Amino acid sequence: MKKSQIIKIIVCFLPLLLLFLPAPAGMNPKAWELFPFYAGAILGIMLHPFSEAAILLIFLGFYSVTMKGQAVALSGYALAMTWLVVGAFVIAQAFRDTQLGKRIAYHLIRIFGRSAIGLGYAAAFSDFIIAPMTPSNAARTGGIIFPIFRSVAETLGSTPNHNPEKIGAYLSQLLYIITMATGITFLTSYAANGVAWAMTDQILGLQISWIQWTISFIVPAGVVLLLAPLIIYKIYKPTIGKIDNKRIAAEGLKDLGPISRNEKILLVLFLLAIILWSTSSYTKINSTAVVLAFIALTLLTGVLK
């Protein structure tokens, strides 16, 4: 038997053997019934015999059949939080497909990037601007912002193995700090925020709107955004002097070409979504509804395919 087949058997069936064991003392029997499926799913994600989506479907199927718990297994899909996070991930894909995030970053490099600190602020503001629509630090900073500024560092002769102190180390450390700050600023800028939002409603009975969340975190996050480029500059002081930011931005924008129809549509929809989220207490349109409407419009206009 091949190793991959053994791993599949271990992931899919070994956790289910726990169903034949009695619940530990003090544990709710219902919780013990859920544990083998949860443990199996986590094990599957770690060993990766299938894709994450396949693992989810496998254990949803096992639970539905063995526990006759279709309603429980699928109950999470009725939560607004689930669709808020899923929808925001889809929107993040639109930013990557249209390359609007890259265009914004290059314009900020052109405006602020004449020095190392200026380039740091360009990175911070780029991450901040697209944060409301990208609920993943990996997707936002790792997938959109970091590749741009790594390319800038390499253009300036700074790589991980050659002159990292020139500017690359500074930008890498700064972006790590910045993504932590932008991730908490908006309800839709980090997937875990949606979980906290739902639990606040379920446990405390507090219904927090998108704008209330933002107002609560904008001050501490803003302090980090403003001070981090200066503080990290003192710790990882770049050796580079003046930067030819105009040339770097011009080359980046030239590679992207003229702004496309899809970028224009996405920019308008993005601004409209921010307005609707900010005025939800007046319009009574909740954040999840805005995300779903956004997705519908991107599909209808061809921004997402």
C-alpha atoms as a PDB file:
ATOM      1  CA  MET A   1       0.000   0.000   0.000  1.00  0.00           C
ATOM      2  CA  LYS A   2       1.341   3.429  -0.945  1.00  0.00           C
ATOM      3  CA  LYS A   3       2.246   5.975   1.708  1.00  0.00           C
ATOM      4  CA  SER A   4      -0.358   8.423   0.389  1.00  0.00           C
ATOM      5  CA  GLN A   5      -3.096   5.801   0.755  1.00  0.00           C
ATOM      6  CA  ILE A   6      -2.016   5.042   4.330  1.00  0.00           C
ATOM      7  CA  ILE A   7      -2.199   8.744   5.185  1.00  0.00           C
ATOM      8  CA  LYS A   8      -5.709   8.962   3.721  1.00  0.00           C
ATOM      9  CA  ILE A   9      -6.851   6.004   5.843  1.00  0.00           C
ATOM     10  CA  ILE A  10      -5.285   7.488   8.972  1.00  0.00           C
ATOM     11  CA  VAL A  11      -6.866  10.884   8.395  1.00  0.00           C
ATOM     12  CA  CYS A  12     -10.324   9.642   7.464  1.00  0.00           C
ATOM     13  CA  PHE A  13     -10.886   6.629   9.699  1.00  0.00           C
ATOM     14  CA  LEU A  14      -8.531   6.649  12.685  1.00  0.00           C
ATOM     15  CA  PRO A  15     -10.212   9.657  14.365  1.00  0.00           C
ATOM     16  CA  LEU A  16     -13.605   7.944  13.982  1.00  0.00           C
ATOM     17  CA  LEU A  17     -12.428   5.143  16.295  1.00  0.00           C
ATOM     18  CA  LEU A  18     -12.802   7.668  19.100  1.00  0.00           C
ATOM     19  CA  LEU A  19     -16.571   7.386  18.631  1.00  0.00           C
ATOM     20  CA  PHE A  20     -16.414   3.944  20.237  1.00  0.00           C
ATOM     21  CA  LEU A  21     -14.801   5.311  23.392  1.00  0.00           C
ATOM     22  CA  PRO A  22     -16.880   6.752  26.245  1.00  0.00           C
ATOM     23  CA  ALA A  23     -16.781  10.487  26.811  1.00  0.00           C
ATOM     24  CA  PRO A  24     -14.121  11.582  29.347  1.00  0.00           C
ATOM     25  CA  ALA A  25     -15.403  12.468  32.798  1.00  0.00           C
ATOM     26  CA  GLY A  26     -16.836  15.952  32.902  1.00  0.00           C
ATOM     27  CA  MET A  27     -17.143  16.329  29.128  1.00  0.00           C
ATOM     28  CA  ASN A  28     -20.505  16.887  27.506  1.00  0.00           C
ATOM     29  CA  PRO A  29     -21.350  13.757  25.425  1.00  0.00           C
ATOM     30  CA  LYS A  30     -22.443  15.967  22.519  1.00  0.00           C
ATOM     31  CA  ALA A  31     -19.062  17.692  22.544  1.00  0.00           C
ATOM     32  CA  TRP A  32     -17.325  14.297  22.536  1.00  0.00           C
ATOM     33  CA  GLU A  33     -19.369  13.265  19.499  1.00  0.00           C
ATOM     34  CA  LEU A  34     -18.051  16.300  17.628  1.00  0.00           C
ATOM     35  CA  PHE A  35     -14.432  15.895  18.721  1.00  0.00           C
ATOM     36  CA  PRO A  36     -13.406  12.977  16.400  1.00  0.00           C
ATOM     37  CA  PHE A  37     -14.632  14.852  13.334  1.00  0.00           C
ATOM     38  CA  TYR A  38     -12.930  18.051  14.422  1.00  0.00           C
ATOM     39  CA  ALA A  39      -9.682  16.194  15.210  1.00  0.00           C
ATOM     40  CA  GLY A  40      -9.829  14.389  11.869  1.00  0.00           C
ATOM     41  CA  ALA A  41     -10.312  17.629   9.968  1.00  0.00           C
ATOM     42  CA  ILE A  42      -7.354  19.264  11.745  1.00  0.00           C
ATOM     43  CA  LEU A  43      -5.205  16.177  11.085  1.00  0.00           C
ATOM     44  CA  GLY A  44      -6.219  16.291   7.431  1.00  0.00           C
ATOM     45  CA  ILE A  45      -5.216  19.936   7.117  1.00  0.00           C
ATOM     46  CA  MET A  46      -1.841  19.116   8.691  1.00  0.00           C
ATOM     47  CA  LEU A  47      -1.052  16.015   6.592  1.00  0.00           C
ATOM     48  CA  HIS A  48      -2.848  17.301   3.481  1.00  0.00           C
ATOM     49  CA  PRO A  49      -3.898  14.052   1.751  1.00  0.00           C
ATOM     50  CA  PHE A  50      -6.646  16.082   0.050  1.00  0.00           C
ATOM     51  CA  SER A  51      -7.329  19.754  -0.496  1.00  0.00           C
ATOM     52  CA  GLU A  52      -8.886  21.700   2.394  1.00  0.00           C
ATOM     53  CA  ALA A  53     -12.248  21.817   0.620  1.00  0.00           C
ATOM     54  CA  ALA A  54     -12.250  18.041   0.109  1.00  0.00           C
ATOM     55  CA  ILE A  55     -11.375  17.425   3.771  1.00  0.00           C
ATOM     56  CA  LEU A  56     -14.250  19.656   4.838  1.00  0.00           C
ATOM     57  CA  LEU A  57     -16.737  17.805   2.646  1.00  0.00           C
ATOM     58  CA  ILE A  58     -15.481  14.387   3.805  1.00  0.00           C
ATOM     59  CA  PHE A  59     -16.001  15.119   7.479  1.00  0.00           C
ATOM     60  CA  LEU A  60     -19.274  16.941   6.900  1.00  0.00           C
ATOM     61  CA  GLY A  61     -20.458  13.785   5.147  1.00  0.00           C
ATOM     62  CA  PHE A  62     -19.184  11.487   7.903  1.00  0.00           C
ATOM     63  CA  TYR A  63     -20.871  13.546  10.600  1.00  0.00           C
ATOM     64  CA  SER A  64     -24.149  13.836   8.705  1.00  0.00           C
ATOM     65  CA  VAL A  65     -24.359  10.056   8.184  1.00  0.00           C
ATOM     66  CA  THR A  66     -23.037   8.717  11.498  1.00  0.00           C
ATOM     67  CA  MET A  67     -24.622  11.278  13.803  1.00  0.00           C
ATOM     68  CA  LYS A  68     -27.638  12.103  11.613  1.00  0.00           C
ATOM     69  CA  GLY A  69     -26.635  15.675  12.230  1.00  0.00           C
ATOM     70  CA  GLN A  70     -27.142  17.418   8.924  1.00  0.00           C
ATOM     71  CA  ALA A  71     -28.705  20.428  10.625  1.00  0.00           C
ATOM     72  CA  VAL A  72     -25.795  20.769  13.062  1.00  0.00           C
ATOM     73  CA  ALA A  73     -23.142  20.106  10.417  1.00  0.00           C
ATOM     74  CA  LEU A  74     -24.498  22.794   8.119  1.00  0.00           C
ATOM     75  CA  SER A  75     -25.608  25.286  10.772  1.00  0.00           C
ATOM     76  CA  GLY A  76     -22.471  27.402  10.390  1.00  0.00           C
ATOM     77  CA  TYR A  77     -23.456  28.258   6.835  1.00  0.00           C
ATOM     78  CA  ALA A  78     -26.487  30.110   8.150  1.00  0.00           C
ATOM     79  CA  LEU A  79     -24.282  32.563  10.057  1.00  0.00           C
ATOM     80  CA  ALA A  80     -23.799  36.004   8.554  1.00  0.00           C
ATOM     81  CA  MET A  81     -20.159  35.893   9.669  1.00  0.00           C
ATOM     82  CA  THR A  82     -19.446  32.907   7.416  1.00  0.00           C
ATOM     83  CA  TRP A  83     -20.676  34.665   4.309  1.00  0.00           C
ATOM     84  CA  LEU A  84     -18.982  37.915   5.300  1.00  0.00           C
ATOM     85  CA  VAL A  85     -15.592  36.177   5.404  1.00  0.00           C
ATOM     86  CA  VAL A  86     -16.199  34.079   2.270  1.00  0.00           C
ATOM     87  CA  GLY A  87     -17.413  37.122   0.382  1.00  0.00           C
ATOM     88  CA  ALA A  88     -14.455  39.228   1.422  1.00  0.00           C
ATOM     89  CA  PHE A  89     -12.044  36.511   0.217  1.00  0.00           C
ATOM     90  CA  VAL A  90     -13.784  36.551  -3.166  1.00  0.00           C
ATOM     91  CA  ILE A  91     -13.408  40.330  -3.303  1.00  0.00           C
ATOM     92  CA  ALA A  92      -9.710  40.000  -2.460  1.00  0.00           C
ATOM     93  CA  GLN A  93      -9.400  37.791  -5.542  1.00  0.00           C
ATOM     94  CA  ALA A  94     -10.858  40.638  -7.612  1.00  0.00           C
ATOM     95  CA  PHE A  95      -8.087  42.951  -6.375  1.00  0.00           C
ATOM     96  CA  ARG A  96      -5.477  40.394  -7.418  1.00  0.00           C
ATOM     97  CA  ASP A  97      -7.078  39.644 -10.793  1.00  0.00           C
ATOM     98  CA  THR A  98      -7.449  43.310 -11.798  1.00  0.00           C
ATOM     99  CA  GLN A  99      -4.117  44.323 -10.189  1.00  0.00           C
ATOM    100  CA  LEU A 100      -5.786  47.413  -8.735  1.00  0.00           C
ATOM    101  CA  GLY A 101      -3.905  46.866  -5.469  1.00  0.00           C
ATOM    102  CA  LYS A 102      -0.584  46.988  -7.314  1.00  0.00           C
ATOM    103  CA  ARG A 103      -1.561  50.176  -9.143  1.00  0.00           C
ATOM    104  CA  ILE A 104      -2.449  51.891  -5.860  1.00  0.00           C
ATOM    105  CA  ALA A 105       0.890  50.833  -4.347  1.00  0.00           C
ATOM    106  CA  TYR A 106       2.925  52.176  -7.273  1.00  0.00           C
ATOM    107  CA  HIS A 107       1.133  55.536  -7.129  1.00  0.00           C
ATOM    108  CA  LEU A 108       1.956  55.777  -3.423  1.00  0.00           C
ATOM    109  CA  ILE A 109       5.594  54.903  -4.166  1.00  0.00           C
ATOM    110  CA  ARG A 110       5.646  57.756  -6.694  1.00  0.00           C
ATOM    111  CA  ILE A 111       4.276  60.205  -4.096  1.00  0.00           C
ATOM    112  CA  PHE A 112       6.091  59.150  -0.911  1.00  0.00           C
ATOM    113  CA  GLY A 113       9.008  56.914  -1.886  1.00  0.00           C
ATOM    114  CA  ARG A 114      11.900  59.333  -2.386  1.00  0.00           C
ATOM    115  CA  SER A 115      13.547  58.072   0.838  1.00  0.00           C
ATOM    116  CA  ALA A 116      13.600  54.826   2.827  1.00  0.00           C
ATOM    117  CA  ILE A 117      11.134  56.213   5.380  1.00  0.00           C
ATOM    118  CA  GLY A 118       8.923  57.516   2.592  1.00  0.00           C
ATOM    119  CA  LEU A 119       8.974  54.084   0.993  1.00  0.00           C
ATOM    120  CA  GLY A 120       7.996  52.641   4.384  1.00  0.00           C
ATOM    121  CA  TYR A 121       4.993  54.946   4.572  1.00  0.00           C
ATOM    122  CA  ALA A 122       4.053  54.037   1.002  1.00  0.00           C
ATOM    123  CA  ALA A 123       4.039  50.370   2.048  1.00  0.00           C
ATOM    124  CA  ALA A 124       1.980  51.130   5.163  1.00  0.00           C
ATOM    125  CA  PHE A 125      -0.623  53.220   3.343  1.00  0.00           C
ATOM    126  CA  SER A 126      -0.872  50.706   0.480  1.00  0.00           C
ATOM    127  CA  ASP A 127      -1.669  47.917   2.931  1.00  0.00           C
ATOM    128  CA  PHE A 128      -4.121  50.131   4.808  1.00  0.00           C
ATOM    129  CA  ILE A 129      -6.053  51.227   1.704  1.00  0.00           C
ATOM    130  CA  ILE A 130      -6.809  47.721   0.433  1.00  0.00           C
ATOM    131  CA  ALA A 131      -7.296  46.207   3.916  1.00  0.00           C
ATOM    132  CA  PRO A 132     -11.109  46.653   4.032  1.00  0.00           C
ATOM    133  CA  MET A 133     -11.505  44.247   1.122  1.00  0.00           C
ATOM    134  CA  THR A 134      -8.816  41.651   1.883  1.00  0.00           C
ATOM    135  CA  PRO A 135      -9.618  39.540   4.985  1.00  0.00           C
ATOM    136  CA  SER A 136      -6.257  37.783   5.040  1.00  0.00           C
ATOM    137  CA  ASN A 137      -2.824  39.073   5.982  1.00  0.00           C
ATOM    138  CA  ALA A 138      -1.315  36.451   3.693  1.00  0.00           C
ATOM    139  CA  ALA A 139      -3.478  37.488   0.729  1.00  0.00           C
ATOM    140  CA  ARG A 140      -3.106  41.225   1.300  1.00  0.00           C
ATOM    141  CA  THR A 141       0.444  41.790   2.511  1.00  0.00           C
ATOM    142  CA  GLY A 142       1.951  38.500   1.377  1.00  0.00           C
ATOM    143  CA  GLY A 143       0.183  38.240  -1.979  1.00  0.00           C
ATOM    144  CA  ILE A 144      -0.130  41.874  -3.113  1.00  0.00           C
ATOM    145  CA  ILE A 145       1.988  44.355  -1.143  1.00  0.00           C
ATOM    146  CA  PHE A 146       5.127  42.381  -0.223  1.00  0.00           C
ATOM    147  CA  PRO A 147       5.959  41.227  -3.794  1.00  0.00           C
ATOM    148  CA  ILE A 148       5.866  44.859  -4.965  1.00  0.00           C
ATOM    149  CA  PHE A 149       8.203  46.134  -2.269  1.00  0.00           C
ATOM    150  CA  ARG A 150      10.476  43.112  -2.523  1.00  0.00           C
ATOM    151  CA  SER A 151      10.828  43.937  -6.211  1.00  0.00           C
ATOM    152  CA  VAL A 152      11.603  47.551  -5.278  1.00  0.00           C
ATOM    153  CA  ALA A 153      14.276  46.370  -2.817  1.00  0.00           C
ATOM    154  CA  GLU A 154      15.821  44.088  -5.450  1.00  0.00           C
ATOM    155  CA  THR A 155      15.812  46.943  -7.965  1.00  0.00           C
ATOM    156  CA  LEU A 156      17.768  48.969  -5.417  1.00  0.00           C
ATOM    157  CA  GLY A 157      20.298  46.130  -5.017  1.00  0.00           C
ATOM    158  CA  SER A 158      19.014  44.648  -1.767  1.00  0.00           C
ATOM    159  CA  THR A 159      18.185  40.928  -1.548  1.00  0.00           C
ATOM    160  CA  PRO A 160      18.021  38.481   1.396  1.00  0.00           C
ATOM    161  CA  ASN A 161      21.509  37.194   0.516  1.00  0.00           C
ATOM    162  CA  HIS A 162      23.080  40.416  -0.725  1.00  0.00           C
ATOM    163  CA  ASN A 163      22.932  43.760   1.088  1.00  0.00           C
ATOM    164  CA  PRO A 164      19.702  43.095   3.056  1.00  0.00           C
ATOM    165  CA  GLU A 165      20.627  46.027   5.294  1.00  0.00           C
ATOM    166  CA  LYS A 166      20.449  48.401   2.318  1.00  0.00           C
ATOM    167  CA  ILE A 167      16.633  48.519   2.542  1.00  0.00           C
ATOM    168  CA  GLY A 168      15.197  44.991   2.250  1.00  0.00           C
ATOM    169  CA  ALA A 169      15.447  44.132   5.966  1.00  0.00           C
ATOM    170  CA  TYR A 170      13.728  47.399   6.869  1.00  0.00           C
ATOM    171  CA  LEU A 171      10.804  46.820   4.500  1.00  0.00           C
ATOM    172  CA  SER A 172      10.366  43.171   5.517  1.00  0.00           C
ATOM    173  CA  GLN A 173      10.234  43.930   9.240  1.00  0.00           C
ATOM    174  CA  LEU A 174       7.996  46.942   8.678  1.00  0.00           C
ATOM    175  CA  LEU A 175       5.446  45.044   6.589  1.00  0.00           C
ATOM    176  CA  TYR A 176       5.213  42.367   9.281  1.00  0.00           C
ATOM    177  CA  ILE A 177       4.269  45.014  11.858  1.00  0.00           C
ATOM    178  CA  ILE A 178       1.964  46.881   9.484  1.00  0.00           C
ATOM    179  CA  THR A 179      -0.078  43.827   8.523  1.00  0.00           C
ATOM    180  CA  MET A 180      -0.831  43.186  12.209  1.00  0.00           C
ATOM    181  CA  ALA A 181      -2.200  46.728  12.536  1.00  0.00           C
ATOM    182  CA  THR A 182      -4.226  46.788   9.325  1.00  0.00           C
ATOM    183  CA  GLY A 183      -5.611  43.337  10.112  1.00  0.00           C
ATOM    184  CA  ILE A 184      -7.479  44.587  13.191  1.00  0.00           C
ATOM    185  CA  THR A 185      -8.558  47.956  11.805  1.00  0.00           C
ATOM    186  CA  PHE A 186     -11.540  46.786   9.769  1.00  0.00           C
ATOM    187  CA  LEU A 187     -14.090  44.065  10.391  1.00  0.00           C
ATOM    188  CA  THR A 188     -13.362  42.704   6.917  1.00  0.00           C
ATOM    189  CA  SER A 189      -9.546  42.937   6.979  1.00  0.00           C
ATOM    190  CA  TYR A 190      -8.878  39.687   8.876  1.00  0.00           C
ATOM    191  CA  ALA A 191     -10.897  36.460   8.897  1.00  0.00           C
ATOM    192  CA  ALA A 192     -10.720  36.052  12.684  1.00  0.00           C
ATOM    193  CA  ASN A 193     -12.397  39.438  13.134  1.00  0.00           C
ATOM    194  CA  GLY A 194     -15.603  37.934  11.770  1.00  0.00           C
ATOM    195  CA  VAL A 195     -15.430  35.133  14.330  1.00  0.00           C
ATOM    196  CA  ALA A 196     -14.961  37.636  17.173  1.00  0.00           C
ATOM    197  CA  TRP A 197     -17.811  39.729  15.765  1.00  0.00           C
ATOM    198  CA  ALA A 198     -20.190  36.755  15.712  1.00  0.00           C
ATOM    199  CA  MET A 199     -19.198  35.612  19.213  1.00  0.00           C
ATOM    200  CA  THR A 200     -19.729  39.112  20.591  1.00  0.00           C
ATOM    201  CA  ASP A 201     -23.289  38.986  19.298  1.00  0.00           C
ATOM    202  CA  GLN A 202     -23.969  35.422  20.470  1.00  0.00           C
ATOM    203  CA  ILE A 203     -22.374  35.659  23.933  1.00  0.00           C
ATOM    204  CA  LEU A 204     -22.801  39.303  24.922  1.00  0.00           C
ATOM    205  CA  GLY A 205     -25.740  40.264  22.746  1.00  0.00           C
ATOM    206  CA  LEU A 206     -23.799  43.198  21.289  1.00  0.00           C
ATOM    207  CA  GLN A 207     -24.347  43.939  17.612  1.00  0.00           C
ATOM    208  CA  ILE A 208     -21.341  45.844  16.302  1.00  0.00           C
ATOM    209  CA  SER A 209     -21.567  47.499  12.899  1.00  0.00           C
ATOM    210  CA  TRP A 210     -18.692  47.757  10.448  1.00  0.00           C
ATOM    211  CA  ILE A 211     -18.166  51.456  11.189  1.00  0.00           C
ATOM    212  CA  GLN A 212     -18.309  50.920  14.970  1.00  0.00           C
ATOM    213  CA  TRP A 213     -15.579  48.291  14.689  1.00  0.00           C
ATOM    214  CA  THR A 214     -13.450  50.639  12.590  1.00  0.00           C
ATOM    215  CA  ILE A 215     -13.897  53.576  14.970  1.00  0.00           C
ATOM    216  CA  SER A 216     -12.852  51.354  17.880  1.00  0.00           C
ATOM    217  CA  PHE A 217      -9.579  50.266  16.270  1.00  0.00           C
ATOM    218  CA  ILE A 218      -8.629  53.159  13.990  1.00  0.00           C
ATOM    219  CA  VAL A 219      -6.782  55.094  16.713  1.00  0.00           C
ATOM    220  CA  PRO A 220      -4.434  52.330  17.982  1.00  0.00           C
ATOM    221  CA  ALA A 221      -3.920  51.030  14.448  1.00  0.00           C
ATOM    222  CA  GLY A 222      -3.332  54.567  13.190  1.00  0.00           C
ATOM    223  CA  VAL A 223      -0.668  55.137  15.844  1.00  0.00           C
ATOM    224  CA  VAL A 224       1.118  51.983  14.681  1.00  0.00           C
ATOM    225  CA  LEU A 225       0.873  53.017  11.020  1.00  0.00           C
ATOM    226  CA  LEU A 226       2.337  56.440  11.772  1.00  0.00           C
ATOM    227  CA  LEU A 227       5.080  55.389  14.195  1.00  0.00           C
ATOM    228  CA  ALA A 228       6.151  51.967  12.894  1.00  0.00           C
ATOM    229  CA  PRO A 229       8.067  53.290   9.838  1.00  0.00           C
ATOM    230  CA  LEU A 230      10.066  55.596  12.144  1.00  0.00           C
ATOM    231  CA  ILE A 231      10.704  53.050  14.909  1.00  0.00           C
ATOM    232  CA  ILE A 232      11.663  50.215  12.546  1.00  0.00           C
ATOM    233  CA  TYR A 233      13.917  52.707  10.737  1.00  0.00           C
ATOM    234  CA  LYS A 234      15.872  53.183  13.972  1.00  0.00           C
ATOM    235  CA  ILE A 235      16.157  49.420  14.530  1.00  0.00           C
ATOM    236  CA  TYR A 236      16.899  48.357  10.932  1.00  0.00           C
ATOM    237  CA  LYS A 237      18.346  51.584   9.598  1.00  0.00           C
ATOM    238  CA  PRO A 238      18.743  51.297   5.801  1.00  0.00           C
ATOM    239  CA  THR A 239      22.080  52.265   4.325  1.00  0.00           C
ATOM    240  CA  ILE A 240      20.520  53.603   1.132  1.00  0.00           C
ATOM    241  CA  GLY A 241      20.207  57.333   0.573  1.00  0.00           C
ATOM    242  CA  LYS A 242      17.909  58.989  -1.936  1.00  0.00           C
ATOM    243  CA  ILE A 243      15.653  56.698  -3.988  1.00  0.00           C
ATOM    244  CA  ASP A 244      14.644  57.240  -7.609  1.00  0.00           C
ATOM    245  CA  ASN A 245      11.000  56.583  -6.779  1.00  0.00           C
ATOM    246  CA  LYS A 246       9.685  58.285  -9.908  1.00  0.00           C
ATOM    247  CA  ARG A 247      11.506  55.808 -12.142  1.00  0.00           C
ATOM    248  CA  ILE A 248      10.487  52.777 -10.071  1.00  0.00           C
ATOM    249  CA  ALA A 249       6.833  53.845 -10.061  1.00  0.00           C
ATOM    250  CA  ALA A 250       6.884  54.696 -13.765  1.00  0.00           C
ATOM    251  CA  GLU A 251       8.329  51.286 -14.666  1.00  0.00           C
ATOM    252  CA  GLY A 252       5.811  49.489 -12.457  1.00  0.00           C
ATOM    253  CA  LEU A 253       2.865  51.397 -13.889  1.00  0.00           C
ATOM    254  CA  LYS A 254       4.183  50.871 -17.425  1.00  0.00           C
ATOM    255  CA  ASP A 255       4.193  47.106 -16.843  1.00  0.00           C
ATOM    256  CA  LEU A 256       0.585  47.305 -15.630  1.00  0.00           C
ATOM    257  CA  GLY A 257      -0.470  49.357 -18.653  1.00  0.00           C
ATOM    258  CA  PRO A 258      -3.297  51.906 -18.713  1.00  0.00           C
ATOM    259  CA  ILE A 259      -5.998  51.539 -16.092  1.00  0.00           C
ATOM    260  CA  SER A 260      -8.478  48.939 -17.320  1.00  0.00           C
ATOM    261  CA  ARG A 261     -12.260  48.954 -17.401  1.00  0.00           C
ATOM    262  CA  ASN A 262     -12.364  46.307 -14.675  1.00  0.00           C
ATOM    263  CA  GLU A 263     -10.091  48.343 -12.414  1.00  0.00           C
ATOM    264  CA  LYS A 264     -12.338  51.387 -12.781  1.00  0.00           C
ATOM    265  CA  ILE A 265     -15.441  49.343 -11.978  1.00  0.00           C
ATOM    266  CA  LEU A 266     -13.752  47.691  -8.992  1.00  0.00           C
ATOM    267  CA  LEU A 267     -12.618  51.072  -7.659  1.00  0.00           C
ATOM    268  CA  VAL A 268     -16.165  52.469  -7.870  1.00  0.00           C
ATOM    269  CA  LEU A 269     -17.648  49.372  -6.204  1.00  0.00           C
ATOM    270  CA  PHE A 270     -14.947  49.479  -3.521  1.00  0.00           C
ATOM    271  CA  LEU A 271     -15.752  53.102  -2.645  1.00  0.00           C
ATOM    272  CA  LEU A 272     -19.479  52.335  -2.703  1.00  0.00           C
ATOM    273  CA  ALA A 273     -18.975  49.412  -0.308  1.00  0.00           C
ATOM    274  CA  ILE A 274     -16.999  51.622   2.105  1.00  0.00           C
ATOM    275  CA  ILE A 275     -19.808  54.195   2.038  1.00  0.00           C
ATOM    276  CA  LEU A 276     -22.490  51.557   2.679  1.00  0.00           C
ATOM    277  CA  TRP A 277     -20.500  49.987   5.508  1.00  0.00           C
ATOM    278  CA  SER A 278     -19.909  53.404   7.058  1.00  0.00           C
ATOM    279  CA  THR A 279     -23.594  54.344   6.919  1.00  0.00           C
ATOM    280  CA  SER A 280     -25.096  50.992   7.904  1.00  0.00           C
ATOM    281  CA  SER A 281     -26.582  52.464  11.089  1.00  0.00           C
ATOM    282  CA  TYR A 282     -28.645  54.779   8.888  1.00  0.00           C
ATOM    283  CA  THR A 283     -29.352  52.589   5.863  1.00  0.00           C
ATOM    284  CA  LYS A 284     -29.937  49.417   7.973  1.00  0.00           C
ATOM    285  CA  ILE A 285     -28.008  47.414   5.354  1.00  0.00           C
ATOM    286  CA  ASN A 286     -25.712  45.023   7.228  1.00  0.00           C
ATOM    287  CA  SER A 287     -22.103  44.301   6.302  1.00  0.00           C
ATOM    288  CA  THR A 288     -22.781  40.817   4.944  1.00  0.00           C
ATOM    289  CA  ALA A 289     -25.469  42.092   2.577  1.00  0.00           C
ATOM    290  CA  VAL A 290     -23.035  44.682   1.225  1.00  0.00           C
ATOM    291  CA  VAL A 291     -20.378  42.019   0.565  1.00  0.00           C
ATOM    292  CA  LEU A 292     -22.834  39.726  -1.233  1.00  0.00           C
ATOM    293  CA  ALA A 293     -24.146  42.620  -3.342  1.00  0.00           C
ATOM    294  CA  PHE A 294     -20.552  43.565  -4.159  1.00  0.00           C
ATOM    295  CA  ILE A 295     -19.843  40.037  -5.390  1.00  0.00           C
ATOM    296  CA  ALA A 296     -23.025  40.013  -7.467  1.00  0.00           C
ATOM    297  CA  LEU A 297     -22.069  43.291  -9.147  1.00  0.00           C
ATOM    298  CA  THR A 298     -18.497  42.155  -9.861  1.00  0.00           C
ATOM    299  CA  LEU A 299     -19.889  39.026 -11.525  1.00  0.00           C
ATOM    300  CA  LEU A 300     -22.500  40.942 -13.524  1.00  0.00           C
ATOM    301  CA  THR A 301     -19.930  43.473 -14.741  1.00  0.00           C
ATOM    302  CA  GLY A 302     -17.339  40.821 -15.584  1.00  0.00           C
ATOM    303  CA  VAL A 303     -14.758  41.975 -13.021  1.00  0.00           C
ATOM    304  CA  LEU A 304     -14.871  38.457 -11.559  1.00  0.00           C
ATOM    305  CA  LYS A 305     -15.202  35.460 -13.828  1.00  0.00           C
END
